[in-house]
Amino acid sequence: MANSVLLTLSTRAGSNSWMCQGVDAVGYMELWNESLKTNFGTNATTTAPPAFSDSTINLYKSGKLKSTDWMKAITAVGSETQHNLSMSGAATR
């Protein structure tokens, strides 16, 4: 899969970043919903409601909603054009 999610962990000593390849919109929503089931501070399971409903996830799975490949979008080759115009001389009144 071409989609990516950048995970950044911040600590008092600094931050670490990892590029996780292959996480699209469906994978992200499923992982986020799964993360809400566990309180990582106490490692206990919780009953928090899911952030994304099954119907929303199914819209992406069926292709009715499209996921954006952000890495492709921000690293796409672009073009730049520069124009300069200068005039000199004076006109009599």
N, C-alpha and C. Protein backbone atom coordinates (compact mmCIF):
# COMPACT_ATOMS: atom_id res chain seq x y z
N MET A 1 0.85 -1.19 0.00
CA MET A 1 0.00 0.00 0.00
C MET A 1 0.88 1.24 0.00
N ALA A 2 0.43 2.27 -0.62
CA ALA A 2 1.25 3.46 -0.78
C ALA A 2 1.07 4.48 0.34
N ASN A 3 0.06 4.34 1.14
CA ASN A 3 -0.21 5.34 2.18
C ASN A 3 0.70 5.14 3.37
N SER A 4 0.93 6.21 4.13
CA SER A 4 1.83 6.16 5.26
C SER A 4 1.29 6.99 6.41
N VAL A 5 1.73 6.66 7.60
CA VAL A 5 1.43 7.45 8.77
C VAL A 5 2.75 7.69 9.49
N LEU A 6 3.04 8.91 9.87
CA LEU A 6 4.25 9.25 10.61
C LEU A 6 3.90 9.26 12.09
N LEU A 7 4.56 8.41 12.85
CA LEU A 7 4.33 8.33 14.28
C LEU A 7 5.48 9.04 14.99
N THR A 8 5.17 9.95 15.89
CA THR A 8 6.19 10.68 16.65
C THR A 8 5.94 10.48 18.13
N LEU A 9 6.95 10.03 18.82
CA LEU A 9 6.86 9.86 20.27
C LEU A 9 7.74 10.92 20.92
N SER A 10 7.15 11.75 21.76
CA SER A 10 7.90 12.81 22.43
C SER A 10 8.18 12.42 23.87
N THR A 11 9.40 12.65 24.29
CA THR A 11 9.79 12.39 25.67
C THR A 11 10.55 13.61 26.18
N ARG A 12 10.90 13.60 27.43
CA ARG A 12 11.67 14.72 27.98
C ARG A 12 13.03 14.83 27.30
N ALA A 13 13.58 13.69 26.88
CA ALA A 13 14.90 13.68 26.27
C ALA A 13 14.86 14.10 24.80
N GLY A 14 13.71 14.11 24.19
CA GLY A 14 13.61 14.46 22.77
C GLY A 14 12.46 13.74 22.12
N SER A 15 12.54 13.56 20.83
CA SER A 15 11.47 12.84 20.14
C SER A 15 12.06 11.87 19.14
N ASN A 16 11.34 10.82 18.88
CA ASN A 16 11.73 9.80 17.90
C ASN A 16 10.60 9.67 16.90
N SER A 17 10.94 9.52 15.64
CA SER A 17 9.93 9.37 14.60
C SER A 17 10.19 8.11 13.80
N TRP A 18 9.13 7.44 13.43
CA TRP A 18 9.21 6.26 12.59
C TRP A 18 8.23 6.41 11.46
N MET A 19 8.60 5.96 10.28
CA MET A 19 7.70 5.97 9.14
C MET A 19 7.12 4.57 9.02
N CYS A 20 5.83 4.45 9.16
CA CYS A 20 5.16 3.17 9.06
C CYS A 20 4.51 3.07 7.69
N GLN A 21 4.98 2.19 6.88
CA GLN A 21 4.45 2.04 5.53
C GLN A 21 3.20 1.16 5.55
N GLY A 22 2.28 1.45 4.66
CA GLY A 22 1.15 0.56 4.45
C GLY A 22 -0.06 0.80 5.32
N VAL A 23 -0.18 1.93 5.97
CA VAL A 23 -1.36 2.21 6.77
C VAL A 23 -2.24 3.18 6.00
N ASP A 24 -3.36 2.67 5.50
CA ASP A 24 -4.30 3.52 4.78
C ASP A 24 -5.39 3.98 5.73
N ALA A 25 -6.42 4.61 5.20
CA ALA A 25 -7.49 5.16 6.05
C ALA A 25 -8.17 4.07 6.86
N VAL A 26 -8.45 2.94 6.24
CA VAL A 26 -9.13 1.85 6.95
C VAL A 26 -8.24 1.32 8.08
N GLY A 27 -6.97 1.08 7.77
CA GLY A 27 -6.04 0.60 8.78
C GLY A 27 -5.90 1.56 9.94
N TYR A 28 -5.82 2.87 9.61
CA TYR A 28 -5.70 3.88 10.65
C TYR A 28 -6.93 3.88 11.55
N MET A 29 -8.12 3.86 10.96
CA MET A 29 -9.35 3.89 11.76
C MET A 29 -9.46 2.65 12.64
N GLU A 30 -9.10 1.49 12.09
CA GLU A 30 -9.18 0.26 12.88
C GLU A 30 -8.15 0.28 14.02
N LEU A 31 -6.93 0.76 13.74
CA LEU A 31 -5.92 0.86 14.79
C LEU A 31 -6.32 1.85 15.88
N TRP A 32 -6.90 2.97 15.47
CA TRP A 32 -7.32 3.99 16.44
C TRP A 32 -8.43 3.43 17.34
N ASN A 33 -9.41 2.77 16.73
CA ASN A 33 -10.49 2.18 17.52
C ASN A 33 -9.93 1.14 18.49
N GLU A 34 -8.96 0.34 18.03
CA GLU A 34 -8.36 -0.67 18.89
C GLU A 34 -7.59 -0.03 20.04
N SER A 35 -6.91 1.10 19.76
CA SER A 35 -6.13 1.76 20.82
C SER A 35 -7.04 2.32 21.92
N LEU A 36 -8.28 2.64 21.58
CA LEU A 36 -9.21 3.16 22.59
C LEU A 36 -9.69 2.09 23.55
N LYS A 37 -9.47 0.83 23.20
CA LYS A 37 -9.90 -0.26 24.06
C LYS A 37 -8.94 -0.50 25.22
N THR A 38 -7.74 0.05 25.17
CA THR A 38 -6.74 -0.18 26.20
C THR A 38 -6.24 1.14 26.76
N ASN A 39 -6.24 1.26 28.07
CA ASN A 39 -5.64 2.41 28.74
C ASN A 39 -4.17 2.06 28.93
N PHE A 40 -3.30 2.70 28.14
CA PHE A 40 -1.90 2.32 28.16
C PHE A 40 -1.19 2.72 29.45
N GLY A 41 -1.76 3.64 30.21
CA GLY A 41 -1.17 4.00 31.48
C GLY A 41 -1.30 2.88 32.51
N THR A 42 -2.44 2.19 32.51
CA THR A 42 -2.67 1.12 33.47
C THR A 42 -2.72 -0.26 32.82
N ASN A 43 -2.67 -0.29 31.48
CA ASN A 43 -2.75 -1.52 30.70
C ASN A 43 -4.06 -2.27 30.98
N ALA A 44 -5.10 -1.53 31.28
CA ALA A 44 -6.40 -2.13 31.54
C ALA A 44 -7.31 -1.87 30.34
N THR A 45 -8.22 -2.79 30.09
CA THR A 45 -9.17 -2.59 29.00
C THR A 45 -10.24 -1.61 29.44
N THR A 46 -10.72 -0.81 28.49
CA THR A 46 -11.74 0.19 28.77
C THR A 46 -12.94 -0.04 27.88
N THR A 47 -13.99 0.69 28.15
CA THR A 47 -15.20 0.58 27.33
C THR A 47 -15.46 1.88 26.59
N ALA A 48 -14.41 2.54 26.15
CA ALA A 48 -14.56 3.80 25.41
C ALA A 48 -15.24 3.52 24.07
N PRO A 49 -16.12 4.41 23.66
CA PRO A 49 -16.76 4.21 22.35
C PRO A 49 -15.74 4.36 21.24
N PRO A 50 -15.93 3.66 20.12
CA PRO A 50 -14.98 3.79 19.01
C PRO A 50 -15.01 5.18 18.40
N ALA A 51 -13.87 5.64 17.94
CA ALA A 51 -13.79 6.96 17.31
C ALA A 51 -14.41 6.93 15.92
N PHE A 52 -14.33 5.77 15.25
CA PHE A 52 -14.86 5.62 13.90
C PHE A 52 -15.87 4.48 13.89
N SER A 53 -17.05 4.76 13.36
CA SER A 53 -18.09 3.73 13.32
C SER A 53 -17.78 2.70 12.24
N ASP A 54 -18.38 1.53 12.39
CA ASP A 54 -18.21 0.48 11.39
C ASP A 54 -18.73 0.93 10.03
N SER A 55 -19.80 1.73 10.03
CA SER A 55 -20.35 2.19 8.75
C SER A 55 -19.38 3.13 8.03
N THR A 56 -18.67 3.97 8.79
CA THR A 56 -17.67 4.85 8.18
C THR A 56 -16.51 4.04 7.62
N ILE A 57 -16.04 3.07 8.37
CA ILE A 57 -14.95 2.21 7.92
C ILE A 57 -15.37 1.46 6.65
N ASN A 58 -16.59 0.97 6.64
CA ASN A 58 -17.08 0.22 5.47
C ASN A 58 -17.20 1.10 4.23
N LEU A 59 -17.46 2.40 4.39
CA LEU A 59 -17.49 3.30 3.23
C LEU A 59 -16.12 3.39 2.57
N TYR A 60 -15.07 3.39 3.36
CA TYR A 60 -13.71 3.40 2.81
C TYR A 60 -13.36 2.04 2.22
N LYS A 61 -13.76 0.96 2.90
CA LYS A 61 -13.48 -0.38 2.39
C LYS A 61 -14.15 -0.62 1.04
N SER A 62 -15.37 -0.11 0.87
CA SER A 62 -16.11 -0.32 -0.38
C SER A 62 -15.64 0.58 -1.51
N GLY A 63 -14.87 1.61 -1.18
CA GLY A 63 -14.40 2.53 -2.20
C GLY A 63 -15.30 3.73 -2.41
N LYS A 64 -16.39 3.82 -1.66
CA LYS A 64 -17.28 4.98 -1.78
C LYS A 64 -16.61 6.25 -1.27
N LEU A 65 -15.74 6.12 -0.27
CA LEU A 65 -14.90 7.23 0.19
C LEU A 65 -13.46 6.86 -0.11
N LYS A 66 -12.68 7.82 -0.59
CA LYS A 66 -11.30 7.58 -0.98
C LYS A 66 -10.33 8.08 0.08
N SER A 67 -9.27 7.34 0.26
CA SER A 67 -8.19 7.72 1.17
C SER A 67 -7.18 8.56 0.39
N THR A 68 -6.56 9.54 1.05
CA THR A 68 -5.54 10.36 0.42
C THR A 68 -4.17 9.79 0.72
N ASP A 69 -3.36 9.63 -0.30
CA ASP A 69 -1.98 9.20 -0.13
C ASP A 69 -1.15 10.46 0.13
N TRP A 70 -1.01 10.83 1.41
CA TRP A 70 -0.37 12.09 1.77
C TRP A 70 1.11 12.11 1.44
N MET A 71 1.80 11.00 1.57
CA MET A 71 3.21 10.98 1.23
C MET A 71 3.41 11.26 -0.26
N LYS A 72 2.56 10.71 -1.09
CA LYS A 72 2.64 10.97 -2.52
C LYS A 72 2.31 12.44 -2.81
N ALA A 73 1.32 12.96 -2.10
CA ALA A 73 0.88 14.34 -2.34
C ALA A 73 1.95 15.36 -1.94
N ILE A 74 2.63 15.13 -0.83
CA ILE A 74 3.60 16.13 -0.37
C ILE A 74 4.99 15.94 -0.97
N THR A 75 5.24 14.79 -1.58
CA THR A 75 6.54 14.57 -2.19
C THR A 75 6.48 14.56 -3.71
N ALA A 76 5.34 14.97 -4.26
CA ALA A 76 5.19 14.99 -5.72
C ALA A 76 6.14 16.01 -6.33
N VAL A 77 6.60 15.69 -7.53
CA VAL A 77 7.48 16.60 -8.25
C VAL A 77 6.63 17.75 -8.78
N GLY A 78 7.05 18.94 -8.49
CA GLY A 78 6.31 20.12 -8.94
C GLY A 78 7.15 20.94 -9.89
N SER A 79 6.60 22.03 -10.31
CA SER A 79 7.36 22.92 -11.19
C SER A 79 7.31 24.32 -10.60
N GLU A 80 8.31 25.08 -10.94
CA GLU A 80 8.39 26.45 -10.46
C GLU A 80 8.72 27.33 -11.65
N THR A 81 8.05 28.43 -11.74
CA THR A 81 8.29 29.37 -12.83
C THR A 81 8.59 30.73 -12.22
N GLN A 82 9.58 31.39 -12.77
CA GLN A 82 9.93 32.71 -12.29
C GLN A 82 9.98 33.65 -13.49
N HIS A 83 9.34 34.79 -13.35
CA HIS A 83 9.33 35.80 -14.41
C HIS A 83 9.88 37.11 -13.85
N ASN A 84 10.67 37.78 -14.65
CA ASN A 84 11.18 39.09 -14.28
C ASN A 84 10.81 40.08 -15.37
N LEU A 85 10.39 41.24 -14.98
CA LEU A 85 10.03 42.29 -15.93
C LEU A 85 10.69 43.57 -15.46
N SER A 86 11.41 44.21 -16.35
CA SER A 86 12.01 45.48 -15.98
C SER A 86 11.79 46.48 -17.11
N MET A 87 11.59 47.71 -16.74
CA MET A 87 11.38 48.79 -17.70
C MET A 87 12.28 49.94 -17.30
N SER A 88 12.77 50.66 -18.30
CA SER A 88 13.56 51.83 -17.99
C SER A 88 13.27 52.90 -19.02
N GLY A 89 13.69 54.08 -18.70
CA GLY A 89 13.44 55.22 -19.60
C GLY A 89 12.40 56.15 -19.00
N ALA A 90 12.28 57.31 -19.59
CA ALA A 90 11.33 58.29 -19.08
C ALA A 90 10.62 58.92 -20.26
N ALA A 91 9.44 59.36 -20.01
CA ALA A 91 8.68 60.03 -21.07
C ALA A 91 8.55 61.50 -20.71
N THR A 92 8.56 62.35 -21.70
CA THR A 92 8.36 63.79 -21.45
C THR A 92 6.88 64.08 -21.39
N ARG A 93 6.55 65.06 -20.61
CA ARG A 93 5.14 65.43 -20.47
C ARG A 93 4.81 66.61 -21.29
